[in-house]
Amino acid sequence: MNADAIPAQDWIAPGMNKAFVREPDETVSRCPACEGPGVVVRTTTLDAWVPGELRRRFTDSACFCGDPDCDVVYFDDLGGSVTRPELQRPVPGKDLDAPLCACFGLTREDIDDDIAEGGVIRTRTAVQRANSPEARCGALSPCGQSCAPAVQAYYMKRANRE
């Protein structure tokens, strides 16, 4: 019988060190408001997005809540959080008036214009630039990651409506 199928307490010999037993890892931090999974962001992202006094709510790391309907933008496992109204600027991925691409300013309207014109010039250029060394996603994107997947998803969603 496979030892993985038997609960650890049933097969660990008395006196055996539990350090040798692999416990399941639960490393995903959950947003305190919506309970969605968080995306870990670096200090660079926090420093760029969370101003002065608000930044002191976190140590070196925090998580971004990507749920567009949730007001929490950043949170940590120690109870610190920052909400959309506290940031006082549009947050890409959460606010419709924010650009989809924080580095190069591509908006939903730009993508809608591409679709209306029957092309993909703006969208393709933004995705190419987002995947290039000139992108500064770590500081400019609120989640610290490339916008390319979000841009492509928005394009596909809108193009499939037409």
N, C-alpha and C. Protein backbone atom coordinates (compact mmCIF):
# COMPACT_ATOMS: atom_id res chain seq x y z
N MET A 1 0.85 -1.19 0.00
CA MET A 1 0.00 0.00 0.00
C MET A 1 0.89 1.24 0.00
N ASN A 2 0.49 2.26 -0.69
CA ASN A 2 1.23 3.50 -0.81
C ASN A 2 1.14 4.29 0.50
N ALA A 3 2.29 4.73 1.02
CA ALA A 3 2.33 5.48 2.27
C ALA A 3 1.60 6.81 2.14
N ASP A 4 1.54 7.36 0.91
CA ASP A 4 0.84 8.63 0.71
C ASP A 4 -0.65 8.51 0.94
N ALA A 5 -1.20 7.30 0.82
CA ALA A 5 -2.63 7.09 0.98
C ALA A 5 -3.03 6.91 2.44
N ILE A 6 -2.06 6.74 3.31
CA ILE A 6 -2.33 6.49 4.73
C ILE A 6 -2.06 7.77 5.50
N PRO A 7 -2.98 8.23 6.35
CA PRO A 7 -2.71 9.42 7.15
C PRO A 7 -1.41 9.27 7.94
N ALA A 8 -0.65 10.37 8.02
CA ALA A 8 0.67 10.34 8.65
C ALA A 8 0.62 9.79 10.07
N GLN A 9 -0.41 10.16 10.83
CA GLN A 9 -0.47 9.70 12.22
C GLN A 9 -0.60 8.18 12.32
N ASP A 10 -1.02 7.51 11.22
CA ASP A 10 -1.19 6.07 11.24
C ASP A 10 0.06 5.30 10.82
N TRP A 11 1.04 5.97 10.22
CA TRP A 11 2.22 5.23 9.79
C TRP A 11 3.53 5.77 10.32
N ILE A 12 3.51 6.90 11.02
CA ILE A 12 4.75 7.40 11.60
C ILE A 12 5.03 6.61 12.87
N ALA A 13 6.21 6.03 12.89
CA ALA A 13 6.59 5.23 14.06
C ALA A 13 6.78 6.13 15.27
N PRO A 14 6.46 5.62 16.47
CA PRO A 14 6.67 6.42 17.68
C PRO A 14 8.13 6.87 17.74
N GLY A 15 8.33 8.12 18.05
CA GLY A 15 9.67 8.68 18.16
C GLY A 15 10.23 9.17 16.84
N MET A 16 9.55 8.90 15.72
CA MET A 16 10.04 9.36 14.41
C MET A 16 9.80 10.85 14.28
N ASN A 17 10.75 11.54 13.74
CA ASN A 17 10.68 12.99 13.58
C ASN A 17 9.72 13.34 12.44
N LYS A 18 8.73 14.20 12.71
CA LYS A 18 7.76 14.60 11.69
C LYS A 18 8.37 15.51 10.63
N ALA A 19 9.62 15.94 10.83
CA ALA A 19 10.28 16.79 9.84
C ALA A 19 10.46 16.05 8.52
N PHE A 20 10.42 14.74 8.56
CA PHE A 20 10.59 13.95 7.35
C PHE A 20 9.27 13.70 6.62
N VAL A 21 8.17 14.13 7.18
CA VAL A 21 6.86 13.92 6.59
C VAL A 21 6.44 15.20 5.88
N ARG A 22 6.10 15.08 4.61
CA ARG A 22 5.67 16.25 3.85
C ARG A 22 4.22 16.57 4.17
N GLU A 23 4.01 17.75 4.68
CA GLU A 23 2.66 18.24 4.96
C GLU A 23 2.20 19.05 3.75
N PRO A 24 0.91 19.08 3.47
CA PRO A 24 0.43 19.87 2.33
C PRO A 24 0.72 21.35 2.55
N ASP A 25 1.17 22.02 1.48
CA ASP A 25 1.46 23.44 1.55
C ASP A 25 0.22 24.25 1.22
N GLU A 26 -0.12 25.20 2.06
CA GLU A 26 -1.20 26.15 1.80
C GLU A 26 -0.55 27.52 1.80
N THR A 27 -0.07 27.93 0.64
CA THR A 27 0.69 29.16 0.56
C THR A 27 -0.08 30.30 -0.08
N VAL A 28 -1.29 30.06 -0.53
CA VAL A 28 -2.07 31.10 -1.17
C VAL A 28 -2.74 31.97 -0.11
N SER A 29 -2.39 33.25 -0.13
CA SER A 29 -3.04 34.20 0.78
C SER A 29 -4.38 34.59 0.18
N ARG A 30 -5.36 34.76 1.03
CA ARG A 30 -6.72 35.09 0.59
C ARG A 30 -7.09 36.51 1.01
N CYS A 31 -7.78 37.21 0.12
CA CYS A 31 -8.23 38.57 0.40
C CYS A 31 -9.18 38.56 1.59
N PRO A 32 -9.01 39.47 2.54
CA PRO A 32 -9.89 39.48 3.70
C PRO A 32 -11.33 39.89 3.38
N ALA A 33 -11.54 40.56 2.25
CA ALA A 33 -12.88 41.01 1.90
C ALA A 33 -13.64 40.01 1.04
N CYS A 34 -13.01 39.55 -0.05
CA CYS A 34 -13.73 38.67 -0.99
C CYS A 34 -13.27 37.21 -0.92
N GLU A 35 -12.20 36.95 -0.19
CA GLU A 35 -11.61 35.62 -0.01
C GLU A 35 -11.01 35.06 -1.30
N GLY A 36 -10.81 35.92 -2.30
CA GLY A 36 -10.15 35.50 -3.53
C GLY A 36 -8.66 35.33 -3.30
N PRO A 37 -8.00 34.57 -4.18
CA PRO A 37 -6.56 34.37 -4.02
C PRO A 37 -5.78 35.64 -4.31
N GLY A 38 -4.74 35.86 -3.56
CA GLY A 38 -3.90 37.03 -3.76
C GLY A 38 -2.71 36.71 -4.65
N VAL A 39 -2.20 37.74 -5.30
CA VAL A 39 -0.99 37.64 -6.11
C VAL A 39 0.10 38.37 -5.34
N VAL A 40 1.15 37.67 -4.97
CA VAL A 40 2.23 38.29 -4.20
C VAL A 40 2.90 39.36 -5.05
N VAL A 41 3.08 40.54 -4.47
CA VAL A 41 3.75 41.64 -5.15
C VAL A 41 5.04 41.98 -4.41
N ARG A 42 5.99 42.49 -5.16
CA ARG A 42 7.28 42.85 -4.58
C ARG A 42 7.25 44.24 -3.96
N THR A 43 8.31 44.55 -3.26
CA THR A 43 8.47 45.86 -2.65
C THR A 43 8.40 46.97 -3.69
N THR A 44 8.98 46.74 -4.86
CA THR A 44 8.97 47.72 -5.94
C THR A 44 7.55 48.13 -6.29
N THR A 45 6.66 47.16 -6.40
CA THR A 45 5.27 47.43 -6.75
C THR A 45 4.58 48.20 -5.64
N LEU A 46 4.77 47.75 -4.40
CA LEU A 46 4.14 48.44 -3.27
C LEU A 46 4.64 49.88 -3.16
N ASP A 47 5.93 50.08 -3.32
CA ASP A 47 6.49 51.43 -3.22
C ASP A 47 5.92 52.35 -4.29
N ALA A 48 5.66 51.80 -5.48
CA ALA A 48 5.13 52.61 -6.58
C ALA A 48 3.65 52.91 -6.43
N TRP A 49 2.90 51.99 -5.84
CA TRP A 49 1.45 52.12 -5.80
C TRP A 49 0.88 52.59 -4.47
N VAL A 50 1.55 52.30 -3.39
CA VAL A 50 0.99 52.61 -2.06
C VAL A 50 1.78 53.77 -1.45
N PRO A 51 1.16 54.93 -1.35
CA PRO A 51 1.88 56.12 -0.89
C PRO A 51 2.12 56.15 0.63
N GLY A 52 3.20 56.85 0.98
CA GLY A 52 3.59 57.21 2.34
C GLY A 52 3.04 56.43 3.50
N GLU A 53 2.10 57.05 4.20
CA GLU A 53 1.54 56.48 5.42
C GLU A 53 0.88 55.13 5.18
N LEU A 54 0.21 54.97 4.05
CA LEU A 54 -0.44 53.70 3.74
C LEU A 54 0.58 52.57 3.57
N ARG A 55 1.74 52.92 3.04
CA ARG A 55 2.79 51.92 2.79
C ARG A 55 3.27 51.28 4.08
N ARG A 56 3.18 52.01 5.17
CA ARG A 56 3.64 51.50 6.48
C ARG A 56 2.76 50.38 7.01
N ARG A 57 1.63 50.14 6.39
CA ARG A 57 0.76 49.03 6.81
C ARG A 57 1.36 47.67 6.48
N PHE A 58 2.35 47.67 5.59
CA PHE A 58 2.95 46.42 5.15
C PHE A 58 4.45 46.42 5.43
N THR A 59 5.00 45.23 5.55
CA THR A 59 6.44 45.12 5.67
C THR A 59 7.02 45.07 4.26
N ASP A 60 7.67 44.01 3.93
CA ASP A 60 8.30 43.92 2.61
C ASP A 60 7.37 43.40 1.53
N SER A 61 6.38 42.62 1.89
CA SER A 61 5.54 42.04 0.85
C SER A 61 4.07 42.16 1.21
N ALA A 62 3.27 42.02 0.18
CA ALA A 62 1.82 42.01 0.33
C ALA A 62 1.27 41.31 -0.89
N CYS A 63 -0.04 41.20 -0.95
CA CYS A 63 -0.70 40.55 -2.08
C CYS A 63 -1.66 41.53 -2.73
N PHE A 64 -1.83 41.35 -4.03
CA PHE A 64 -2.79 42.13 -4.81
C PHE A 64 -4.05 41.29 -4.95
N CYS A 65 -5.22 41.90 -4.72
CA CYS A 65 -6.49 41.22 -4.95
C CYS A 65 -6.96 41.61 -6.35
N GLY A 66 -7.04 40.63 -7.23
CA GLY A 66 -7.40 40.88 -8.62
C GLY A 66 -8.88 40.90 -8.91
N ASP A 67 -9.72 40.71 -7.91
CA ASP A 67 -11.16 40.71 -8.15
C ASP A 67 -11.61 42.14 -8.46
N PRO A 68 -12.12 42.40 -9.67
CA PRO A 68 -12.51 43.76 -10.02
C PRO A 68 -13.67 44.30 -9.20
N ASP A 69 -14.43 43.44 -8.57
CA ASP A 69 -15.57 43.88 -7.77
C ASP A 69 -15.21 44.13 -6.30
N CYS A 70 -13.99 43.82 -5.92
CA CYS A 70 -13.56 43.97 -4.52
C CYS A 70 -12.81 45.28 -4.36
N ASP A 71 -13.11 46.02 -3.28
CA ASP A 71 -12.45 47.30 -3.03
C ASP A 71 -11.04 47.15 -2.47
N VAL A 72 -10.69 45.99 -1.94
CA VAL A 72 -9.34 45.78 -1.44
C VAL A 72 -8.40 45.66 -2.63
N VAL A 73 -7.31 46.43 -2.60
CA VAL A 73 -6.30 46.35 -3.65
C VAL A 73 -5.12 45.53 -3.15
N TYR A 74 -4.61 45.87 -1.97
CA TYR A 74 -3.47 45.15 -1.39
C TYR A 74 -3.83 44.68 0.01
N PHE A 75 -3.27 43.53 0.40
CA PHE A 75 -3.49 42.99 1.73
C PHE A 75 -2.31 42.11 2.11
N ASP A 76 -2.19 41.85 3.40
CA ASP A 76 -1.19 40.87 3.85
C ASP A 76 -1.83 39.93 4.86
N ASP A 77 -1.07 38.96 5.28
CA ASP A 77 -1.60 37.95 6.21
C ASP A 77 -1.64 38.43 7.66
N LEU A 78 -1.18 39.65 7.90
CA LEU A 78 -1.18 40.19 9.26
C LEU A 78 -2.31 41.19 9.48
N GLY A 79 -3.22 41.30 8.53
CA GLY A 79 -4.39 42.17 8.69
C GLY A 79 -4.27 43.52 8.02
N GLY A 80 -3.14 43.83 7.42
CA GLY A 80 -2.99 45.10 6.72
C GLY A 80 -3.71 45.06 5.38
N SER A 81 -4.32 46.17 5.00
CA SER A 81 -4.94 46.25 3.68
C SER A 81 -5.03 47.71 3.24
N VAL A 82 -5.16 47.89 1.93
CA VAL A 82 -5.35 49.19 1.31
C VAL A 82 -6.46 49.02 0.30
N THR A 83 -7.41 49.96 0.31
CA THR A 83 -8.56 49.87 -0.59
C THR A 83 -8.44 50.85 -1.76
N ARG A 84 -9.26 50.64 -2.75
CA ARG A 84 -9.30 51.50 -3.93
C ARG A 84 -9.47 52.98 -3.58
N PRO A 85 -10.45 53.35 -2.75
CA PRO A 85 -10.62 54.76 -2.43
C PRO A 85 -9.39 55.38 -1.75
N GLU A 86 -8.65 54.58 -1.00
CA GLU A 86 -7.46 55.10 -0.33
C GLU A 86 -6.34 55.43 -1.32
N LEU A 87 -6.27 54.72 -2.42
CA LEU A 87 -5.21 54.96 -3.40
C LEU A 87 -5.46 56.23 -4.21
N GLN A 88 -6.69 56.63 -4.33
CA GLN A 88 -7.08 57.87 -5.00
C GLN A 88 -6.58 57.98 -6.44
N ARG A 89 -6.47 56.83 -7.11
CA ARG A 89 -6.19 56.81 -8.54
C ARG A 89 -6.75 55.52 -9.12
N PRO A 90 -7.10 55.52 -10.39
CA PRO A 90 -7.67 54.31 -11.00
C PRO A 90 -6.67 53.15 -10.99
N VAL A 91 -7.18 51.98 -10.70
CA VAL A 91 -6.34 50.78 -10.61
C VAL A 91 -6.64 49.87 -11.80
N PRO A 92 -5.64 49.66 -12.69
CA PRO A 92 -5.85 48.74 -13.80
C PRO A 92 -6.31 47.37 -13.30
N GLY A 93 -7.30 46.83 -13.98
CA GLY A 93 -7.86 45.54 -13.59
C GLY A 93 -9.02 45.66 -12.62
N LYS A 94 -9.16 46.83 -11.99
CA LYS A 94 -10.25 47.04 -11.05
C LYS A 94 -11.16 48.20 -11.47
N ASP A 95 -10.61 49.20 -12.11
CA ASP A 95 -11.37 50.38 -12.50
C ASP A 95 -11.48 50.45 -14.02
N LEU A 96 -12.69 50.60 -14.52
CA LEU A 96 -12.92 50.64 -15.96
C LEU A 96 -12.25 51.83 -16.63
N ASP A 97 -12.04 52.93 -15.89
CA ASP A 97 -11.41 54.10 -16.50
C ASP A 97 -9.88 54.04 -16.44
N ALA A 98 -9.33 53.00 -15.86
CA ALA A 98 -7.87 52.82 -15.84
C ALA A 98 -7.44 52.10 -17.11
N PRO A 99 -6.25 52.41 -17.62
CA PRO A 99 -5.78 51.67 -18.80
C PRO A 99 -5.58 50.20 -18.45
N LEU A 100 -5.74 49.33 -19.44
CA LEU A 100 -5.45 47.91 -19.23
C LEU A 100 -3.95 47.71 -19.07
N CYS A 101 -3.18 48.50 -19.82
CA CYS A 101 -1.72 48.42 -19.76
C CYS A 101 -1.19 49.65 -19.04
N ALA A 102 -0.69 49.44 -17.84
CA ALA A 102 -0.19 50.56 -17.03
C ALA A 102 1.11 51.12 -17.59
N CYS A 103 1.90 50.31 -18.28
CA CYS A 103 3.18 50.77 -18.83
C CYS A 103 3.01 51.67 -20.05
N PHE A 104 2.11 51.28 -20.95
CA PHE A 104 2.02 51.97 -22.23
C PHE A 104 0.67 52.63 -22.48
N GLY A 105 -0.23 52.55 -21.52
CA GLY A 105 -1.47 53.29 -21.59
C GLY A 105 -2.56 52.74 -22.49
N LEU A 106 -2.45 51.50 -22.93
CA LEU A 106 -3.50 50.92 -23.78
C LEU A 106 -4.81 50.85 -22.99
N THR A 107 -5.87 51.38 -23.57
CA THR A 107 -7.17 51.40 -22.90
C THR A 107 -8.14 50.42 -23.55
N ARG A 108 -9.26 50.22 -22.89
CA ARG A 108 -10.32 49.40 -23.45
C ARG A 108 -10.83 50.02 -24.76
N GLU A 109 -10.89 51.34 -24.79
CA GLU A 109 -11.34 52.04 -25.98
C GLU A 109 -10.41 51.78 -27.16
N ASP A 110 -9.09 51.71 -26.90
CA ASP A 110 -8.13 51.41 -27.97
C ASP A 110 -8.43 50.04 -28.57
N ILE A 111 -8.70 49.08 -27.72
CA ILE A 111 -9.01 47.73 -28.21
C ILE A 111 -10.33 47.72 -28.95
N ASP A 112 -11.32 48.42 -28.41
CA ASP A 112 -12.61 48.51 -29.09
C ASP A 112 -12.45 49.16 -30.46
N ASP A 113 -11.56 50.17 -30.58
CA ASP A 113 -11.30 50.81 -31.87
C ASP A 113 -10.66 49.83 -32.83
N ASP A 114 -9.70 49.02 -32.33
CA ASP A 114 -9.09 47.99 -33.18
C ASP A 114 -10.16 47.07 -33.76
N ILE A 115 -11.06 46.62 -32.92
CA ILE A 115 -12.11 45.70 -33.36
C ILE A 115 -13.04 46.37 -34.36
N ALA A 116 -13.42 47.61 -34.08
CA ALA A 116 -14.32 48.34 -34.98
C ALA A 116 -13.67 48.55 -36.35
N GLU A 117 -12.34 48.71 -36.37
CA GLU A 117 -11.61 48.93 -37.62
C GLU A 117 -11.23 47.62 -38.31
N GLY A 118 -11.51 46.49 -37.64
CA GLY A 118 -11.18 45.20 -38.22
C GLY A 118 -9.70 44.85 -38.15
N GLY A 119 -9.00 45.44 -37.21
CA GLY A 119 -7.56 45.19 -37.08
C GLY A 119 -7.15 44.89 -35.65
N VAL A 120 -5.85 44.74 -35.48
CA VAL A 120 -5.32 44.47 -34.13
C VAL A 120 -4.04 45.28 -33.87
N ILE A 121 -3.86 46.36 -34.60
CA ILE A 121 -2.60 47.11 -34.54
C ILE A 121 -2.28 47.57 -33.12
N ARG A 122 -3.19 48.29 -32.47
CA ARG A 122 -2.93 48.80 -31.13
C ARG A 122 -2.73 47.67 -30.13
N THR A 123 -3.60 46.68 -30.22
CA THR A 123 -3.56 45.56 -29.29
C THR A 123 -2.27 44.77 -29.46
N ARG A 124 -1.93 44.42 -30.68
CA ARG A 124 -0.71 43.65 -30.94
C ARG A 124 0.53 44.43 -30.48
N THR A 125 0.57 45.72 -30.80
CA THR A 125 1.72 46.53 -30.40
C THR A 125 1.86 46.56 -28.88
N ALA A 126 0.76 46.72 -28.17
CA ALA A 126 0.82 46.75 -26.70
C ALA A 126 1.31 45.42 -26.13
N VAL A 127 0.83 44.31 -26.67
CA VAL A 127 1.26 42.99 -26.19
C VAL A 127 2.75 42.79 -26.47
N GLN A 128 3.20 43.19 -27.67
CA GLN A 128 4.62 43.06 -27.99
C GLN A 128 5.47 43.92 -27.05
N ARG A 129 5.04 45.14 -26.82
CA ARG A 129 5.80 46.02 -25.92
C ARG A 129 5.76 45.51 -24.48
N ALA A 130 4.62 44.93 -24.06
CA ALA A 130 4.50 44.40 -22.71
C ALA A 130 5.45 43.22 -22.49
N ASN A 131 5.79 42.53 -23.56
CA ASN A 131 6.71 41.39 -23.47
C ASN A 131 8.15 41.77 -23.79
N SER A 132 8.42 43.07 -23.88
CA SER A 132 9.76 43.54 -24.23
C SER A 132 10.48 44.09 -22.99
N PRO A 133 11.76 44.33 -23.10
CA PRO A 133 12.52 44.89 -21.97
C PRO A 133 12.08 46.30 -21.56
N GLU A 134 11.39 47.02 -22.45
CA GLU A 134 10.96 48.37 -22.10
C GLU A 134 9.77 48.40 -21.13
N ALA A 135 9.12 47.28 -20.96
CA ALA A 135 7.99 47.20 -20.01
C ALA A 135 8.52 47.32 -18.58
N ARG A 136 7.79 48.02 -17.76
CA ARG A 136 8.18 48.18 -16.35
C ARG A 136 7.03 47.74 -15.45
N CYS A 137 6.58 46.53 -15.69
CA CYS A 137 5.41 45.98 -15.00
C CYS A 137 5.60 45.93 -13.49
N GLY A 138 6.81 45.66 -13.03
CA GLY A 138 7.06 45.54 -11.60
C GLY A 138 6.71 46.80 -10.84
N ALA A 139 6.87 47.96 -11.47
CA ALA A 139 6.56 49.21 -10.80
C ALA A 139 5.23 49.81 -11.26
N LEU A 140 4.90 49.66 -12.53
CA LEU A 140 3.73 50.35 -13.05
C LEU A 140 2.44 49.55 -12.98
N SER A 141 2.52 48.24 -13.03
CA SER A 141 1.32 47.41 -12.94
C SER A 141 0.99 47.18 -11.46
N PRO A 142 -0.26 47.34 -11.07
CA PRO A 142 -0.59 47.17 -9.65
C PRO A 142 -0.39 45.75 -9.13
N CYS A 143 -0.41 44.77 -10.03
CA CYS A 143 -0.16 43.40 -9.59
C CYS A 143 1.29 43.00 -9.81
N GLY A 144 2.09 43.90 -10.40
CA GLY A 144 3.50 43.63 -10.62
C GLY A 144 3.78 42.68 -11.76
N GLN A 145 2.75 42.36 -12.54
CA GLN A 145 2.90 41.40 -13.64
C GLN A 145 2.49 42.04 -14.95
N SER A 146 2.86 41.39 -16.04
CA SER A 146 2.55 41.89 -17.37
C SER A 146 1.05 41.97 -17.59
N CYS A 147 0.66 42.96 -18.36
CA CYS A 147 -0.75 43.13 -18.72
C CYS A 147 -1.15 42.28 -19.92
N ALA A 148 -0.18 41.67 -20.59
CA ALA A 148 -0.46 40.96 -21.84
C ALA A 148 -1.64 39.98 -21.73
N PRO A 149 -1.71 39.13 -20.69
CA PRO A 149 -2.86 38.22 -20.62
C PRO A 149 -4.21 38.96 -20.49
N ALA A 150 -4.24 40.05 -19.72
CA ALA A 150 -5.48 40.81 -19.56
C ALA A 150 -5.87 41.50 -20.86
N VAL A 151 -4.89 42.03 -21.57
CA VAL A 151 -5.15 42.69 -22.86
C VAL A 151 -5.70 41.67 -23.86
N GLN A 152 -5.07 40.53 -23.94
CA GLN A 152 -5.52 39.50 -24.87
C GLN A 152 -6.91 38.98 -24.50
N ALA A 153 -7.16 38.80 -23.21
CA ALA A 153 -8.48 38.32 -22.78
C ALA A 153 -9.57 39.33 -23.11
N TYR A 154 -9.30 40.62 -22.87
CA TYR A 154 -10.29 41.64 -23.19
C TYR A 154 -10.55 41.68 -24.70
N TYR A 155 -9.48 41.61 -25.48
CA TYR A 155 -9.64 41.61 -26.93
C TYR A 155 -10.52 40.44 -27.38
N MET A 156 -10.22 39.24 -26.90
CA MET A 156 -10.99 38.06 -27.30
C MET A 156 -12.45 38.18 -26.87
N LYS A 157 -12.67 38.66 -25.68
CA LYS A 157 -14.04 38.81 -25.18
C LYS A 157 -14.83 39.78 -26.07
N ARG A 158 -14.21 40.92 -26.40
CA ARG A 158 -14.89 41.91 -27.22
C ARG A 158 -15.03 41.44 -28.68
N ALA A 159 -14.01 40.81 -29.21
CA ALA A 159 -14.05 40.35 -30.60
C ALA A 159 -15.10 39.27 -30.79
N ASN A 160 -15.30 38.44 -29.82
CA ASN A 160 -16.30 37.38 -29.91
C ASN A 160 -17.72 37.90 -29.79
N ARG A 161 -17.90 39.12 -29.31
CA ARG A 161 -19.22 39.74 -29.23
C ARG A 161 -19.66 40.28 -30.58
N GLU A 162 -18.68 40.68 -31.38
CA GLU A 162 -18.97 41.33 -32.67
C GLU A 162 -19.50 40.34 -33.67
